[in-house]
N, C-alpha and C. Protein backbone atom coordinates (compact mmCIF):
# COMPACT_ATOMS: atom_id res chain seq x y z
N UNK A 1 -134.23 -60.74 -156.89
CA UNK A 1 -133.46 -59.73 -156.17
C UNK A 1 -133.80 -59.79 -154.69
N UNK A 2 -132.86 -59.37 -153.86
CA UNK A 2 -133.08 -59.33 -152.41
C UNK A 2 -132.26 -58.20 -151.81
N UNK A 3 -132.87 -57.44 -150.90
CA UNK A 3 -132.19 -56.39 -150.15
C UNK A 3 -132.01 -56.86 -148.72
N UNK A 4 -130.78 -56.74 -148.21
CA UNK A 4 -130.50 -57.11 -146.82
C UNK A 4 -130.02 -55.86 -146.10
N UNK A 5 -130.80 -55.38 -145.10
CA UNK A 5 -130.45 -54.13 -144.42
C UNK A 5 -129.34 -54.32 -143.38
N UNK A 6 -128.58 -53.24 -143.18
CA UNK A 6 -127.59 -53.20 -142.10
C UNK A 6 -128.12 -52.23 -141.04
N UNK A 7 -128.90 -52.75 -140.09
CA UNK A 7 -129.49 -51.87 -139.08
C UNK A 7 -128.44 -51.41 -138.06
N UNK A 8 -127.23 -51.97 -138.11
CA UNK A 8 -126.16 -51.55 -137.20
C UNK A 8 -125.52 -50.23 -137.63
N UNK A 9 -125.72 -49.83 -138.88
CA UNK A 9 -125.07 -48.61 -139.39
C UNK A 9 -125.55 -47.38 -138.63
N UNK A 10 -124.60 -46.54 -138.22
CA UNK A 10 -124.90 -45.29 -137.51
C UNK A 10 -124.30 -44.13 -138.31
N UNK A 11 -125.16 -43.30 -138.88
CA UNK A 11 -124.67 -42.19 -139.70
C UNK A 11 -123.93 -41.15 -138.85
N UNK A 12 -124.16 -41.16 -137.55
CA UNK A 12 -123.50 -40.19 -136.67
C UNK A 12 -122.05 -40.55 -136.36
N UNK A 13 -121.65 -41.79 -136.65
CA UNK A 13 -120.28 -42.21 -136.38
C UNK A 13 -119.35 -41.67 -137.46
N UNK A 14 -118.17 -41.22 -137.04
CA UNK A 14 -117.20 -40.71 -138.00
C UNK A 14 -116.48 -41.86 -138.70
N UNK A 15 -116.50 -41.83 -140.03
CA UNK A 15 -115.72 -42.75 -140.85
C UNK A 15 -115.84 -44.22 -140.40
N UNK A 16 -117.07 -44.75 -140.31
CA UNK A 16 -117.22 -46.13 -139.84
C UNK A 16 -116.67 -47.15 -140.84
N UNK A 17 -116.10 -48.23 -140.32
CA UNK A 17 -115.66 -49.35 -141.16
C UNK A 17 -116.77 -50.40 -141.14
N UNK A 18 -117.18 -50.83 -142.32
CA UNK A 18 -118.29 -51.77 -142.42
C UNK A 18 -117.78 -53.09 -142.98
N UNK A 19 -118.16 -54.18 -142.33
CA UNK A 19 -117.83 -55.51 -142.81
C UNK A 19 -119.11 -56.34 -142.87
N UNK A 20 -119.23 -57.13 -143.91
CA UNK A 20 -120.32 -58.08 -144.03
C UNK A 20 -119.73 -59.48 -144.01
N UNK A 21 -120.37 -60.38 -143.28
CA UNK A 21 -119.96 -61.78 -143.23
C UNK A 21 -121.17 -62.64 -143.56
N UNK A 22 -120.90 -63.79 -144.16
CA UNK A 22 -121.95 -64.75 -144.52
C UNK A 22 -121.68 -66.04 -143.77
N UNK A 23 -122.67 -66.49 -143.00
CA UNK A 23 -122.53 -67.71 -142.22
C UNK A 23 -123.51 -68.76 -142.72
N UNK A 24 -122.97 -69.93 -143.03
CA UNK A 24 -123.79 -71.06 -143.45
C UNK A 24 -123.25 -72.27 -142.71
N UNK A 25 -124.03 -72.76 -141.75
CA UNK A 25 -123.55 -73.84 -140.90
C UNK A 25 -122.37 -73.35 -140.08
N UNK A 26 -121.27 -74.08 -140.09
CA UNK A 26 -120.09 -73.67 -139.31
C UNK A 26 -119.13 -72.83 -140.15
N UNK A 27 -119.49 -72.58 -141.41
CA UNK A 27 -118.63 -71.81 -142.30
C UNK A 27 -118.94 -70.31 -142.19
N UNK A 28 -117.89 -69.49 -142.09
CA UNK A 28 -118.04 -68.03 -142.02
C UNK A 28 -117.15 -67.42 -143.11
N UNK A 29 -117.77 -66.66 -144.01
CA UNK A 29 -117.06 -66.10 -145.16
C UNK A 29 -117.13 -64.57 -145.10
N UNK A 30 -115.99 -63.91 -145.33
CA UNK A 30 -116.00 -62.45 -145.46
C UNK A 30 -116.64 -62.11 -146.80
N UNK A 31 -117.66 -61.27 -146.73
CA UNK A 31 -118.49 -60.95 -147.88
C UNK A 31 -118.13 -59.57 -148.42
N UNK A 32 -117.97 -58.62 -147.52
CA UNK A 32 -117.57 -57.25 -147.87
C UNK A 32 -116.54 -56.83 -146.84
N UNK A 33 -115.34 -56.48 -147.30
CA UNK A 33 -114.24 -56.20 -146.38
C UNK A 33 -113.27 -55.22 -147.04
N UNK A 34 -112.77 -54.29 -146.26
CA UNK A 34 -111.78 -53.34 -146.79
C UNK A 34 -112.31 -52.50 -147.93
N UNK A 35 -113.63 -52.24 -147.90
CA UNK A 35 -114.23 -51.39 -148.92
C UNK A 35 -114.54 -52.10 -150.23
N UNK A 36 -114.43 -53.45 -150.24
CA UNK A 36 -114.69 -54.18 -151.47
C UNK A 36 -115.51 -55.45 -151.22
N UNK A 37 -116.35 -55.77 -152.21
CA UNK A 37 -117.05 -57.05 -152.19
C UNK A 37 -116.06 -58.14 -152.57
N UNK A 38 -116.20 -59.31 -151.96
CA UNK A 38 -115.32 -60.42 -152.29
C UNK A 38 -115.96 -61.30 -153.36
N UNK A 39 -115.17 -62.16 -153.97
CA UNK A 39 -115.71 -63.14 -154.91
C UNK A 39 -116.53 -64.14 -154.11
N UNK A 40 -117.59 -64.71 -154.60
CA UNK A 40 -118.18 -64.56 -155.93
C UNK A 40 -119.29 -63.52 -155.97
N UNK A 41 -119.27 -62.55 -155.06
CA UNK A 41 -120.38 -61.60 -154.93
C UNK A 41 -120.23 -60.34 -155.78
N UNK A 42 -119.01 -60.05 -156.24
CA UNK A 42 -118.73 -58.79 -156.94
C UNK A 42 -119.68 -58.50 -158.08
N UNK A 43 -120.05 -59.51 -158.84
CA UNK A 43 -120.82 -59.28 -160.06
C UNK A 43 -122.32 -59.23 -159.84
N UNK A 44 -122.80 -59.57 -158.63
CA UNK A 44 -124.25 -59.61 -158.46
C UNK A 44 -124.75 -58.94 -157.18
N UNK A 45 -123.88 -58.21 -156.50
CA UNK A 45 -124.28 -57.51 -155.27
C UNK A 45 -123.85 -56.06 -155.35
N UNK A 46 -124.76 -55.16 -154.94
CA UNK A 46 -124.43 -53.74 -154.82
C UNK A 46 -124.36 -53.41 -153.33
N UNK A 47 -123.36 -52.60 -152.95
CA UNK A 47 -123.16 -52.24 -151.56
C UNK A 47 -123.52 -50.78 -151.34
N UNK A 48 -124.19 -50.50 -150.21
CA UNK A 48 -124.30 -49.14 -149.67
C UNK A 48 -124.15 -49.30 -148.16
N UNK A 49 -123.89 -48.23 -147.43
CA UNK A 49 -123.69 -48.40 -145.98
C UNK A 49 -124.89 -48.99 -145.25
N UNK A 50 -126.09 -48.82 -145.79
CA UNK A 50 -127.28 -49.28 -145.07
C UNK A 50 -127.90 -50.57 -145.62
N UNK A 51 -127.43 -51.04 -146.78
CA UNK A 51 -128.05 -52.22 -147.38
C UNK A 51 -127.11 -52.86 -148.40
N UNK A 52 -127.22 -54.20 -148.52
CA UNK A 52 -126.61 -54.86 -149.67
C UNK A 52 -127.76 -55.38 -150.53
N UNK A 53 -127.60 -55.24 -151.84
CA UNK A 53 -128.67 -55.63 -152.77
C UNK A 53 -128.15 -56.70 -153.72
N UNK A 54 -128.78 -57.86 -153.66
CA UNK A 54 -128.47 -58.94 -154.59
C UNK A 54 -129.30 -58.73 -155.85
N UNK A 55 -128.67 -58.77 -157.02
CA UNK A 55 -129.43 -58.70 -158.27
C UNK A 55 -130.10 -60.04 -158.54
N UNK A 56 -129.44 -61.13 -158.14
CA UNK A 56 -130.02 -62.47 -158.23
C UNK A 56 -129.66 -63.25 -156.97
N UNK A 57 -130.53 -64.15 -156.58
CA UNK A 57 -130.25 -65.03 -155.44
C UNK A 57 -130.56 -66.47 -155.84
N UNK A 58 -129.83 -67.40 -155.21
CA UNK A 58 -130.08 -68.81 -155.41
C UNK A 58 -130.17 -69.47 -154.04
N UNK A 59 -130.51 -70.72 -154.02
CA UNK A 59 -130.59 -71.43 -152.74
C UNK A 59 -129.25 -71.44 -152.00
N UNK A 60 -128.16 -71.34 -152.76
CA UNK A 60 -126.83 -71.30 -152.15
C UNK A 60 -126.63 -70.04 -151.28
N UNK A 61 -127.45 -69.01 -151.51
CA UNK A 61 -127.34 -67.77 -150.74
C UNK A 61 -128.09 -67.83 -149.41
N UNK A 62 -128.82 -68.92 -149.17
CA UNK A 62 -129.53 -69.09 -147.90
C UNK A 62 -128.51 -69.16 -146.76
N UNK A 63 -128.75 -68.35 -145.72
CA UNK A 63 -127.86 -68.34 -144.56
C UNK A 63 -127.98 -67.04 -143.81
N UNK A 64 -127.05 -66.83 -142.90
CA UNK A 64 -127.07 -65.63 -142.04
C UNK A 64 -126.07 -64.61 -142.56
N UNK A 65 -126.54 -63.38 -142.72
CA UNK A 65 -125.70 -62.26 -143.15
C UNK A 65 -125.49 -61.35 -141.95
N UNK A 66 -124.23 -61.11 -141.62
CA UNK A 66 -123.87 -60.34 -140.42
C UNK A 66 -123.19 -59.05 -140.87
N UNK A 67 -123.75 -57.93 -140.44
CA UNK A 67 -123.18 -56.62 -140.72
C UNK A 67 -122.52 -56.11 -139.44
N UNK A 68 -121.24 -55.78 -139.53
CA UNK A 68 -120.51 -55.27 -138.36
C UNK A 68 -119.97 -53.89 -138.70
N UNK A 69 -120.27 -52.92 -137.84
CA UNK A 69 -119.85 -51.54 -138.07
C UNK A 69 -118.95 -51.12 -136.91
N UNK A 70 -117.77 -50.60 -137.26
CA UNK A 70 -116.81 -50.16 -136.24
C UNK A 70 -116.53 -48.68 -136.46
N UNK A 71 -116.77 -47.88 -135.41
CA UNK A 71 -116.53 -46.45 -135.49
C UNK A 71 -115.08 -46.11 -135.16
N UNK A 72 -114.67 -44.86 -135.44
CA UNK A 72 -113.27 -44.50 -135.20
C UNK A 72 -112.93 -44.33 -133.73
N UNK A 73 -113.93 -44.38 -132.86
CA UNK A 73 -113.67 -44.35 -131.41
C UNK A 73 -113.89 -45.72 -130.80
N UNK A 74 -113.71 -46.76 -131.61
CA UNK A 74 -113.83 -48.16 -131.19
C UNK A 74 -115.24 -48.59 -130.83
N UNK A 75 -116.25 -47.82 -131.24
CA UNK A 75 -117.62 -48.29 -131.06
C UNK A 75 -117.85 -49.46 -132.01
N UNK A 76 -118.66 -50.42 -131.59
CA UNK A 76 -118.97 -51.57 -132.44
C UNK A 76 -120.48 -51.82 -132.39
N UNK A 77 -121.07 -52.01 -133.56
CA UNK A 77 -122.48 -52.40 -133.64
C UNK A 77 -122.58 -53.54 -134.64
N UNK A 78 -123.54 -54.43 -134.40
CA UNK A 78 -123.67 -55.61 -135.25
C UNK A 78 -125.14 -55.90 -135.47
N UNK A 79 -125.50 -56.30 -136.69
CA UNK A 79 -126.86 -56.75 -136.96
C UNK A 79 -126.78 -58.02 -137.80
N UNK A 80 -127.81 -58.85 -137.67
CA UNK A 80 -127.84 -60.11 -138.39
C UNK A 80 -129.18 -60.27 -139.09
N UNK A 81 -129.14 -60.86 -140.28
CA UNK A 81 -130.36 -61.14 -141.04
C UNK A 81 -130.24 -62.56 -141.58
N UNK A 82 -131.30 -63.35 -141.41
CA UNK A 82 -131.35 -64.68 -142.01
C UNK A 82 -132.06 -64.58 -143.35
N UNK A 83 -131.40 -65.02 -144.40
CA UNK A 83 -131.99 -65.04 -145.73
C UNK A 83 -132.36 -66.48 -146.06
N UNK A 84 -133.61 -66.67 -146.44
CA UNK A 84 -134.09 -67.99 -146.83
C UNK A 84 -134.55 -67.90 -148.29
N UNK A 85 -133.84 -68.58 -149.16
CA UNK A 85 -134.20 -68.59 -150.58
C UNK A 85 -134.98 -69.88 -150.84
N UNK A 86 -136.23 -69.72 -151.26
CA UNK A 86 -137.10 -70.87 -151.45
C UNK A 86 -137.08 -71.38 -152.88
N UNK A 87 -136.52 -70.63 -153.78
CA UNK A 87 -136.40 -71.01 -155.19
C UNK A 87 -135.40 -70.08 -155.83
N UNK A 88 -135.34 -70.04 -157.13
CA UNK A 88 -134.38 -69.13 -157.77
C UNK A 88 -134.94 -67.73 -157.94
N UNK A 89 -136.23 -67.52 -157.66
CA UNK A 89 -136.85 -66.21 -157.84
C UNK A 89 -137.33 -65.62 -156.52
N UNK A 90 -137.95 -66.42 -155.68
CA UNK A 90 -138.60 -65.94 -154.46
C UNK A 90 -137.63 -65.96 -153.28
N UNK A 91 -137.54 -64.85 -152.56
CA UNK A 91 -136.67 -64.79 -151.37
C UNK A 91 -137.42 -64.13 -150.24
N UNK A 92 -137.16 -64.59 -149.02
CA UNK A 92 -137.76 -64.02 -147.82
C UNK A 92 -136.64 -63.55 -146.89
N UNK A 93 -136.75 -62.33 -146.38
CA UNK A 93 -135.76 -61.82 -145.45
C UNK A 93 -136.40 -61.75 -144.07
N UNK A 94 -135.76 -62.39 -143.09
CA UNK A 94 -136.28 -62.40 -141.72
C UNK A 94 -135.21 -61.86 -140.79
N UNK A 95 -135.53 -60.86 -139.96
CA UNK A 95 -134.53 -60.32 -139.03
C UNK A 95 -134.18 -61.31 -137.93
């Protein structure tokens, strides 16, 4: 399991829109968008405004996770976390 925090989240913002993106090399994938997790993450990731929780991780999950929060007054905040999966069980999260 691995928890990836969204330090960009601001509880004081009204009705913030939250998006998660996954970057691996030059590839950028929408991970959480429009209030829903995308495939293939739906079955193994739990979402909350402040964290995403992987029930299982593999080496394929190694990469950069970008959390972008947009407030209703056009405020934007972004945080990034690099996830390094060293095996199928052990994971390290580095800000």
